[in-house]
Amino acid sequence: MPQWRRILQGETGYNEPDVFAVCRLVSGFPYTDRQQKRLFIRNFFTLQDRLDLTHEYLHLAFDGYPTGLDENYIETLTRQLLMD
């Protein structure tokens, strides 16, 4: 996380959430409940699961800022954090 923190703190609009919950999703696509600060993902076993979790976390971390709704920005940043 320290490497992520350094990268993310340089991103305009990033606001590290104080508290959030990760919930297991039984079916459907991963998503973020911004009001309840909950991330819903299927598992945490594969690279795709980690991509999903990171992607949804970034939606929460950029909540209230336009980039938080920009799927291309979020997906690019997700891949940068996990793949570089």
PDB file of N, CA and C in Angstrom:
ATOM      1  N   MET A   1       0.806  -1.211   0.000  1.00  0.00           N
ATOM      2  CA  MET A   1       0.000   0.000   0.000  1.00  0.00           C
ATOM      3  C   MET A   1       0.849   1.276   0.000  1.00  0.00           C
ATOM      4  N   PRO A   2       2.028   1.325   0.644  1.00  0.00           N
ATOM      5  CA  PRO A   2       2.803   2.567   0.609  1.00  0.00           C
ATOM      6  C   PRO A   2       3.109   3.033  -0.813  1.00  0.00           C
ATOM      7  N   GLN A   3       3.421   2.094  -1.719  1.00  0.00           N
ATOM      8  CA  GLN A   3       3.676   2.474  -3.109  1.00  0.00           C
ATOM      9  C   GLN A   3       2.398   3.030  -3.733  1.00  0.00           C
ATOM     10  N   TRP A   4       1.271   2.392  -3.465  1.00  0.00           N
ATOM     11  CA  TRP A   4      -0.010   2.886  -3.974  1.00  0.00           C
ATOM     12  C   TRP A   4      -0.286   4.284  -3.431  1.00  0.00           C
ATOM     13  N   ARG A   5      -0.062   4.463  -2.148  1.00  0.00           N
ATOM     14  CA  ARG A   5      -0.349   5.754  -1.513  1.00  0.00           C
ATOM     15  C   ARG A   5       0.443   6.871  -2.194  1.00  0.00           C
ATOM     16  N   ARG A   6       1.707   6.604  -2.478  1.00  0.00           N
ATOM     17  CA  ARG A   6       2.551   7.599  -3.144  1.00  0.00           C
ATOM     18  C   ARG A   6       1.990   7.938  -4.524  1.00  0.00           C
ATOM     19  N   ILE A   7       1.594   6.934  -5.270  1.00  0.00           N
ATOM     20  CA  ILE A   7       1.038   7.160  -6.609  1.00  0.00           C
ATOM     21  C   ILE A   7      -0.302   7.881  -6.517  1.00  0.00           C
ATOM     22  N   LEU A   8      -1.176   7.395  -5.648  1.00  0.00           N
ATOM     23  CA  LEU A   8      -2.534   7.943  -5.575  1.00  0.00           C
ATOM     24  C   LEU A   8      -2.566   9.364  -5.019  1.00  0.00           C
ATOM     25  N   GLN A   9      -1.693   9.685  -4.092  1.00  0.00           N
ATOM     26  CA  GLN A   9      -1.698  11.036  -3.534  1.00  0.00           C
ATOM     27  C   GLN A   9      -1.333  12.080  -4.574  1.00  0.00           C
ATOM     28  N   GLY A  10      -0.710  11.656  -5.658  1.00  0.00           N
ATOM     29  CA  GLY A  10      -0.400  12.573  -6.749  1.00  0.00           C
ATOM     30  C   GLY A  10      -1.545  12.760  -7.729  1.00  0.00           C
ATOM     31  N   GLU A  11      -2.623  12.005  -7.535  1.00  0.00           N
ATOM     32  CA  GLU A  11      -3.776  12.079  -8.433  1.00  0.00           C
ATOM     33  C   GLU A  11      -4.794  13.090  -7.903  1.00  0.00           C
ATOM     34  N   THR A  12      -5.172  14.028  -8.749  1.00  0.00           N
ATOM     35  CA  THR A  12      -6.159  15.037  -8.368  1.00  0.00           C
ATOM     36  C   THR A  12      -7.491  14.371  -8.051  1.00  0.00           C
ATOM     37  N   GLY A  13      -8.065  14.722  -6.915  1.00  0.00           N
ATOM     38  CA  GLY A  13      -9.368  14.203  -6.519  1.00  0.00           C
ATOM     39  C   GLY A  13      -9.310  12.986  -5.618  1.00  0.00           C
ATOM     40  N   TYR A  14      -8.124  12.416  -5.422  1.00  0.00           N
ATOM     41  CA  TYR A  14      -8.004  11.229  -4.571  1.00  0.00           C
ATOM     42  C   TYR A  14      -8.210  11.611  -3.117  1.00  0.00           C
ATOM     43  N   ASN A  15      -9.061  10.842  -2.434  1.00  0.00           N
ATOM     44  CA  ASN A  15      -9.329  11.052  -1.020  1.00  0.00           C
ATOM     45  C   ASN A  15      -9.425   9.673  -0.374  1.00  0.00           C
ATOM     46  N   GLU A  16      -8.376   9.280   0.326  1.00  0.00           N
ATOM     47  CA  GLU A  16      -8.331   7.945   0.927  1.00  0.00           C
ATOM     48  C   GLU A  16      -9.473   7.775   1.922  1.00  0.00           C
ATOM     49  N   PRO A  17     -10.332   6.780   1.704  1.00  0.00           N
ATOM     50  CA  PRO A  17     -11.456   6.568   2.630  1.00  0.00           C
ATOM     51  C   PRO A  17     -10.948   6.152   4.014  1.00  0.00           C
ATOM     52  N   ASP A  18     -11.554   6.704   5.059  1.00  0.00           N
ATOM     53  CA  ASP A  18     -11.184   6.331   6.425  1.00  0.00           C
ATOM     54  C   ASP A  18     -11.579   4.888   6.716  1.00  0.00           C
ATOM     55  N   VAL A  19     -12.808   4.562   6.352  1.00  0.00           N
ATOM     56  CA  VAL A  19     -13.372   3.247   6.633  1.00  0.00           C
ATOM     57  C   VAL A  19     -14.190   2.808   5.434  1.00  0.00           C
ATOM     58  N   PHE A  20     -14.088   1.530   5.097  1.00  0.00           N
ATOM     59  CA  PHE A  20     -14.958   0.951   4.084  1.00  0.00           C
ATOM     60  C   PHE A  20     -15.019  -0.548   4.329  1.00  0.00           C
ATOM     61  N   ALA A  21     -16.040  -1.186   3.787  1.00  0.00           N
ATOM     62  CA  ALA A  21     -16.212  -2.630   3.946  1.00  0.00           C
ATOM     63  C   ALA A  21     -16.118  -3.302   2.588  1.00  0.00           C
ATOM     64  N   VAL A  22     -15.548  -4.495   2.594  1.00  0.00           N
ATOM     65  CA  VAL A  22     -15.513  -5.323   1.393  1.00  0.00           C
ATOM     66  C   VAL A  22     -16.485  -6.469   1.638  1.00  0.00           C
ATOM     67  N   CYS A  23     -17.469  -6.579   0.763  1.00  0.00           N
ATOM     68  CA  CYS A  23     -18.524  -7.571   0.915  1.00  0.00           C
ATOM     69  C   CYS A  23     -18.472  -8.571  -0.236  1.00  0.00           C
ATOM     70  N   ARG A  24     -18.815  -9.804   0.071  1.00  0.00           N
ATOM     71  CA  ARG A  24     -18.809 -10.844  -0.963  1.00  0.00           C
ATOM     72  C   ARG A  24     -20.084 -10.764  -1.778  1.00  0.00           C
ATOM     73  N   LEU A  25     -19.894 -10.760  -3.070  1.00  0.00           N
ATOM     74  CA  LEU A  25     -20.989 -10.691  -4.031  1.00  0.00           C
ATOM     75  C   LEU A  25     -21.318 -12.112  -4.467  1.00  0.00           C
ATOM     76  N   VAL A  26     -22.572 -12.516  -4.306  1.00  0.00           N
ATOM     77  CA  VAL A  26     -22.980 -13.868  -4.661  1.00  0.00           C
ATOM     78  C   VAL A  26     -23.162 -14.001  -6.165  1.00  0.00           C
ATOM     79  N   SER A  27     -23.723 -12.976  -6.782  1.00  0.00           N
ATOM     80  CA  SER A  27     -23.912 -12.999  -8.237  1.00  0.00           C
ATOM     81  C   SER A  27     -23.865 -11.575  -8.770  1.00  0.00           C
ATOM     82  N   GLY A  28     -23.719 -11.464 -10.062  1.00  0.00           N
ATOM     83  CA  GLY A  28     -23.687 -10.147 -10.685  1.00  0.00           C
ATOM     84  C   GLY A  28     -22.276  -9.606 -10.798  1.00  0.00           C
ATOM     85  N   PHE A  29     -22.203  -8.358 -11.194  1.00  0.00           N
ATOM     86  CA  PHE A  29     -20.922  -7.697 -11.421  1.00  0.00           C
ATOM     87  C   PHE A  29     -20.481  -6.927 -10.178  1.00  0.00           C
ATOM     88  N   PRO A  30     -19.178  -6.820  -9.952  1.00  0.00           N
ATOM     89  CA  PRO A  30     -18.672  -6.029  -8.830  1.00  0.00           C
ATOM     90  C   PRO A  30     -19.174  -4.584  -8.909  1.00  0.00           C
ATOM     91  N   TYR A  31     -19.416  -3.992  -7.744  1.00  0.00           N
ATOM     92  CA  TYR A  31     -19.872  -2.605  -7.718  1.00  0.00           C
ATOM     93  C   TYR A  31     -19.531  -1.960  -6.385  1.00  0.00           C
ATOM     94  N   THR A  32     -19.696  -0.646  -6.340  1.00  0.00           N
ATOM     95  CA  THR A  32     -19.435   0.140  -5.139  1.00  0.00           C
ATOM     96  C   THR A  32     -20.716   0.801  -4.672  1.00  0.00           C
ATOM     97  N   ASP A  33     -21.020   0.669  -3.393  1.00  0.00           N
ATOM     98  CA  ASP A  33     -22.113   1.414  -2.770  1.00  0.00           C
ATOM     99  C   ASP A  33     -21.442   2.594  -2.076  1.00  0.00           C
ATOM    100  N   ARG A  34     -21.456   3.743  -2.734  1.00  0.00           N
ATOM    101  CA  ARG A  34     -20.723   4.908  -2.215  1.00  0.00           C
ATOM    102  C   ARG A  34     -21.307   5.431  -0.909  1.00  0.00           C
ATOM    103  N   GLN A  35     -22.623   5.398  -0.774  1.00  0.00           N
ATOM    104  CA  GLN A  35     -23.244   5.924   0.445  1.00  0.00           C
ATOM    105  C   GLN A  35     -22.882   5.094   1.672  1.00  0.00           C
ATOM    106  N   GLN A  36     -22.890   3.784   1.522  1.00  0.00           N
ATOM    107  CA  GLN A  36     -22.580   2.895   2.647  1.00  0.00           C
ATOM    108  C   GLN A  36     -21.089   2.565   2.748  1.00  0.00           C
ATOM    109  N   LYS A  37     -20.322   3.051   1.761  1.00  0.00           N
ATOM    110  CA  LYS A  37     -18.878   2.782   1.696  1.00  0.00           C
ATOM    111  C   LYS A  37     -18.598   1.275   1.722  1.00  0.00           C
ATOM    112  N   ARG A  38     -19.255   0.590   0.768  1.00  0.00           N
ATOM    113  CA  ARG A  38     -19.093  -0.861   0.655  1.00  0.00           C
ATOM    114  C   ARG A  38     -18.681  -1.221  -0.766  1.00  0.00           C
ATOM    115  N   LEU A  39     -17.712  -2.119  -0.862  1.00  0.00           N
ATOM    116  CA  LEU A  39     -17.267  -2.647  -2.140  1.00  0.00           C
ATOM    117  C   LEU A  39     -17.770  -4.079  -2.233  1.00  0.00           C
ATOM    118  N   PHE A  40     -18.423  -4.418  -3.314  1.00  0.00           N
ATOM    119  CA  PHE A  40     -18.946  -5.764  -3.503  1.00  0.00           C
ATOM    120  C   PHE A  40     -18.142  -6.460  -4.593  1.00  0.00           C
ATOM    121  N   ILE A  41     -17.467  -7.545  -4.212  1.00  0.00           N
ATOM    122  CA  ILE A  41     -16.674  -8.319  -5.170  1.00  0.00           C
ATOM    123  C   ILE A  41     -16.982  -9.803  -4.970  1.00  0.00           C
ATOM    124  N   ARG A  42     -16.634 -10.612  -5.990  1.00  0.00           N
ATOM    125  CA  ARG A  42     -16.928 -12.045  -5.924  1.00  0.00           C
ATOM    126  C   ARG A  42     -15.938 -12.791  -5.029  1.00  0.00           C
ATOM    127  N   ASN A  43     -14.666 -12.663  -5.295  1.00  0.00           N
ATOM    128  CA  ASN A  43     -13.627 -13.390  -4.557  1.00  0.00           C
ATOM    129  C   ASN A  43     -12.357 -12.555  -4.511  1.00  0.00           C
ATOM    130  N   PHE A  44     -11.303 -13.166  -3.958  1.00  0.00           N
ATOM    131  CA  PHE A  44     -10.004 -12.498  -3.927  1.00  0.00           C
ATOM    132  C   PHE A  44      -8.897 -13.505  -4.220  1.00  0.00           C
ATOM    133  N   PHE A  45      -9.154 -14.382  -5.185  1.00  0.00           N
ATOM    134  CA  PHE A  45      -8.201 -15.447  -5.487  1.00  0.00           C
ATOM    135  C   PHE A  45      -7.380 -15.184  -6.741  1.00  0.00           C
ATOM    136  N   THR A  46      -7.981 -14.581  -7.732  1.00  0.00           N
ATOM    137  CA  THR A  46      -7.331 -14.429  -9.033  1.00  0.00           C
ATOM    138  C   THR A  46      -6.916 -12.975  -9.274  1.00  0.00           C
ATOM    139  N   LEU A  47      -6.132 -12.797 -10.303  1.00  0.00           N
ATOM    140  CA  LEU A  47      -5.757 -11.436 -10.697  1.00  0.00           C
ATOM    141  C   LEU A  47      -7.003 -10.628 -11.033  1.00  0.00           C
ATOM    142  N   GLN A  48      -7.962 -11.238 -11.711  1.00  0.00           N
ATOM    143  CA  GLN A  48      -9.195 -10.524 -12.050  1.00  0.00           C
ATOM    144  C   GLN A  48      -9.933 -10.073 -10.793  1.00  0.00           C
ATOM    145  N   ASP A  49      -9.944 -10.904  -9.758  1.00  0.00           N
ATOM    146  CA  ASP A  49     -10.575 -10.517  -8.490  1.00  0.00           C
ATOM    147  C   ASP A  49      -9.875  -9.296  -7.896  1.00  0.00           C
ATOM    148  N   ARG A  50      -8.564  -9.285  -7.942  1.00  0.00           N
ATOM    149  CA  ARG A  50      -7.808  -8.139  -7.409  1.00  0.00           C
ATOM    150  C   ARG A  50      -8.021  -6.889  -8.259  1.00  0.00           C
ATOM    151  N   LEU A  51      -8.118  -7.079  -9.568  1.00  0.00           N
ATOM    152  CA  LEU A  51      -8.443  -5.946 -10.447  1.00  0.00           C
ATOM    153  C   LEU A  51      -9.813  -5.388 -10.094  1.00  0.00           C
ATOM    154  N   ASP A  52     -10.787  -6.276  -9.877  1.00  0.00           N
ATOM    155  CA  ASP A  52     -12.141  -5.838  -9.515  1.00  0.00           C
ATOM    156  C   ASP A  52     -12.139  -5.053  -8.209  1.00  0.00           C
ATOM    157  N   LEU A  53     -11.453  -5.577  -7.196  1.00  0.00           N
ATOM    158  CA  LEU A  53     -11.405  -4.906  -5.895  1.00  0.00           C
ATOM    159  C   LEU A  53     -10.740  -3.536  -6.009  1.00  0.00           C
ATOM    160  N   THR A  54      -9.627  -3.475  -6.685  1.00  0.00           N
ATOM    161  CA  THR A  54      -8.913  -2.207  -6.849  1.00  0.00           C
ATOM    162  C   THR A  54      -9.759  -1.209  -7.617  1.00  0.00           C
ATOM    163  N   HIS A  55     -10.398  -1.664  -8.679  1.00  0.00           N
ATOM    164  CA  HIS A  55     -11.261  -0.809  -9.500  1.00  0.00           C
ATOM    165  C   HIS A  55     -12.374  -0.205  -8.643  1.00  0.00           C
ATOM    166  N   GLU A  56     -13.044  -1.040  -7.867  1.00  0.00           N
ATOM    167  CA  GLU A  56     -14.149  -0.544  -7.036  1.00  0.00           C
ATOM    168  C   GLU A  56     -13.635   0.367  -5.919  1.00  0.00           C
ATOM    169  N   TYR A  57     -12.472   0.050  -5.352  1.00  0.00           N
ATOM    170  CA  TYR A  57     -11.876   0.918  -4.336  1.00  0.00           C
ATOM    171  C   TYR A  57     -11.623   2.314  -4.907  1.00  0.00           C
ATOM    172  N   LEU A  58     -11.107   2.370  -6.119  1.00  0.00           N
ATOM    173  CA  LEU A  58     -10.812   3.671  -6.728  1.00  0.00           C
ATOM    174  C   LEU A  58     -12.079   4.483  -6.970  1.00  0.00           C
ATOM    175  N   HIS A  59     -13.174   3.817  -7.312  1.00  0.00           N
ATOM    176  CA  HIS A  59     -14.443   4.551  -7.436  1.00  0.00           C
ATOM    177  C   HIS A  59     -14.782   5.224  -6.103  1.00  0.00           C
ATOM    178  N   LEU A  60     -14.580   4.512  -5.009  1.00  0.00           N
ATOM    179  CA  LEU A  60     -14.862   5.066  -3.687  1.00  0.00           C
ATOM    180  C   LEU A  60     -13.874   6.178  -3.330  1.00  0.00           C
ATOM    181  N   ALA A  61     -12.612   5.969  -3.630  1.00  0.00           N
ATOM    182  CA  ALA A  61     -11.569   6.940  -3.276  1.00  0.00           C
ATOM    183  C   ALA A  61     -11.682   8.242  -4.069  1.00  0.00           C
ATOM    184  N   PHE A  62     -12.287   8.185  -5.247  1.00  0.00           N
ATOM    185  CA  PHE A  62     -12.471   9.387  -6.064  1.00  0.00           C
ATOM    186  C   PHE A  62     -13.928   9.857  -6.049  1.00  0.00           C
ATOM    187  N   ASP A  63     -14.704   9.372  -5.088  1.00  0.00           N
ATOM    188  CA  ASP A  63     -16.108   9.774  -4.970  1.00  0.00           C
ATOM    189  C   ASP A  63     -16.187  11.283  -4.752  1.00  0.00           C
ATOM    190  N   GLY A  64     -17.098  11.915  -5.428  1.00  0.00           N
ATOM    191  CA  GLY A  64     -17.253  13.360  -5.300  1.00  0.00           C
ATOM    192  C   GLY A  64     -16.364  14.139  -6.248  1.00  0.00           C
ATOM    193  N   TYR A  65     -15.609  13.442  -7.067  1.00  0.00           N
ATOM    194  CA  TYR A  65     -14.745  14.088  -8.051  1.00  0.00           C
ATOM    195  C   TYR A  65     -15.046  13.465  -9.409  1.00  0.00           C
ATOM    196  N   PRO A  66     -15.029  14.235 -10.482  1.00  0.00           N
ATOM    197  CA  PRO A  66     -15.434  13.698 -11.798  1.00  0.00           C
ATOM    198  C   PRO A  66     -14.701  12.430 -12.234  1.00  0.00           C
ATOM    199  N   THR A  67     -13.426  12.281 -11.886  1.00  0.00           N
ATOM    200  CA  THR A  67     -12.707  11.082 -12.317  1.00  0.00           C
ATOM    201  C   THR A  67     -13.259   9.818 -11.663  1.00  0.00           C
ATOM    202  N   GLY A  68     -13.969   9.965 -10.559  1.00  0.00           N
ATOM    203  CA  GLY A  68     -14.574   8.814  -9.899  1.00  0.00           C
ATOM    204  C   GLY A  68     -15.654   8.150 -10.726  1.00  0.00           C
ATOM    205  N   LEU A  69     -16.165   8.862 -11.711  1.00  0.00           N
ATOM    206  CA  LEU A  69     -17.192   8.318 -12.600  1.00  0.00           C
ATOM    207  C   LEU A  69     -16.644   7.979 -13.978  1.00  0.00           C
ATOM    208  N   ASP A  70     -15.374   8.239 -14.201  1.00  0.00           N
ATOM    209  CA  ASP A  70     -14.747   8.009 -15.501  1.00  0.00           C
ATOM    210  C   ASP A  70     -14.178   6.591 -15.545  1.00  0.00           C
ATOM    211  N   GLU A  71     -14.912   5.673 -16.180  1.00  0.00           N
ATOM    212  CA  GLU A  71     -14.517   4.262 -16.218  1.00  0.00           C
ATOM    213  C   GLU A  71     -13.141   4.062 -16.855  1.00  0.00           C
ATOM    214  N   ASN A  72     -12.839   4.803 -17.905  1.00  0.00           N
ATOM    215  CA  ASN A  72     -11.533   4.654 -18.557  1.00  0.00           C
ATOM    216  C   ASN A  72     -10.398   5.065 -17.622  1.00  0.00           C
ATOM    217  N   TYR A  73     -10.576   6.174 -16.929  1.00  0.00           N
ATOM    218  CA  TYR A  73      -9.562   6.647 -15.983  1.00  0.00           C
ATOM    219  C   TYR A  73      -9.363   5.626 -14.857  1.00  0.00           C
ATOM    220  N   ILE A  74     -10.466   5.174 -14.276  1.00  0.00           N
ATOM    221  CA  ILE A  74     -10.401   4.219 -13.166  1.00  0.00           C
ATOM    222  C   ILE A  74      -9.735   2.917 -13.611  1.00  0.00           C
ATOM    223  N   GLU A  75     -10.111   2.412 -14.776  1.00  0.00           N
ATOM    224  CA  GLU A  75      -9.542   1.152 -15.265  1.00  0.00           C
ATOM    225  C   GLU A  75      -8.052   1.297 -15.577  1.00  0.00           C
ATOM    226  N   THR A  76      -7.664   2.405 -16.176  1.00  0.00           N
ATOM    227  CA  THR A  76      -6.246   2.638 -16.476  1.00  0.00           C
ATOM    228  C   THR A  76      -5.430   2.722 -15.190  1.00  0.00           C
ATOM    229  N   LEU A  77      -5.934   3.448 -14.209  1.00  0.00           N
ATOM    230  CA  LEU A  77      -5.231   3.582 -12.933  1.00  0.00           C
ATOM    231  C   LEU A  77      -5.169   2.238 -12.206  1.00  0.00           C
ATOM    232  N   THR A  78      -6.235   1.467 -12.264  1.00  0.00           N
ATOM    233  CA  THR A  78      -6.258   0.133 -11.658  1.00  0.00           C
ATOM    234  C   THR A  78      -5.137  -0.728 -12.219  1.00  0.00           C
ATOM    235  N   ARG A  79      -5.042  -0.758 -13.525  1.00  0.00           N
ATOM    236  CA  ARG A  79      -4.016  -1.589 -14.180  1.00  0.00           C
ATOM    237  C   ARG A  79      -2.607  -1.062 -13.883  1.00  0.00           C
ATOM    238  N   GLN A  80      -2.465   0.250 -13.790  1.00  0.00           N
ATOM    239  CA  GLN A  80      -1.166   0.830 -13.444  1.00  0.00           C
ATOM    240  C   GLN A  80      -0.743   0.376 -12.045  1.00  0.00           C
ATOM    241  N   LEU A  81      -1.666   0.400 -11.104  1.00  0.00           N
ATOM    242  CA  LEU A  81      -1.343   0.025  -9.730  1.00  0.00           C
ATOM    243  C   LEU A  81      -0.997  -1.456  -9.597  1.00  0.00           C
ATOM    244  N   LEU A  82      -1.699  -2.304 -10.320  1.00  0.00           N
ATOM    245  CA  LEU A  82      -1.498  -3.743 -10.159  1.00  0.00           C
ATOM    246  C   LEU A  82      -0.491  -4.360 -11.117  1.00  0.00           C
ATOM    247  N   MET A  83      -0.303  -3.759 -12.272  1.00  0.00           N
ATOM    248  CA  MET A  83       0.507  -4.403 -13.296  1.00  0.00           C
ATOM    249  C   MET A  83       1.909  -3.801 -13.438  1.00  0.00           C
ATOM    250  N   ASP A  84       2.108  -2.593 -12.962  1.00  0.00           N
ATOM    251  CA  ASP A  84       3.431  -1.964 -13.120  1.00  0.00           C
ATOM    252  C   ASP A  84       4.354  -2.332 -11.980  1.00  0.00           C
TER     253      ASP A  84
END
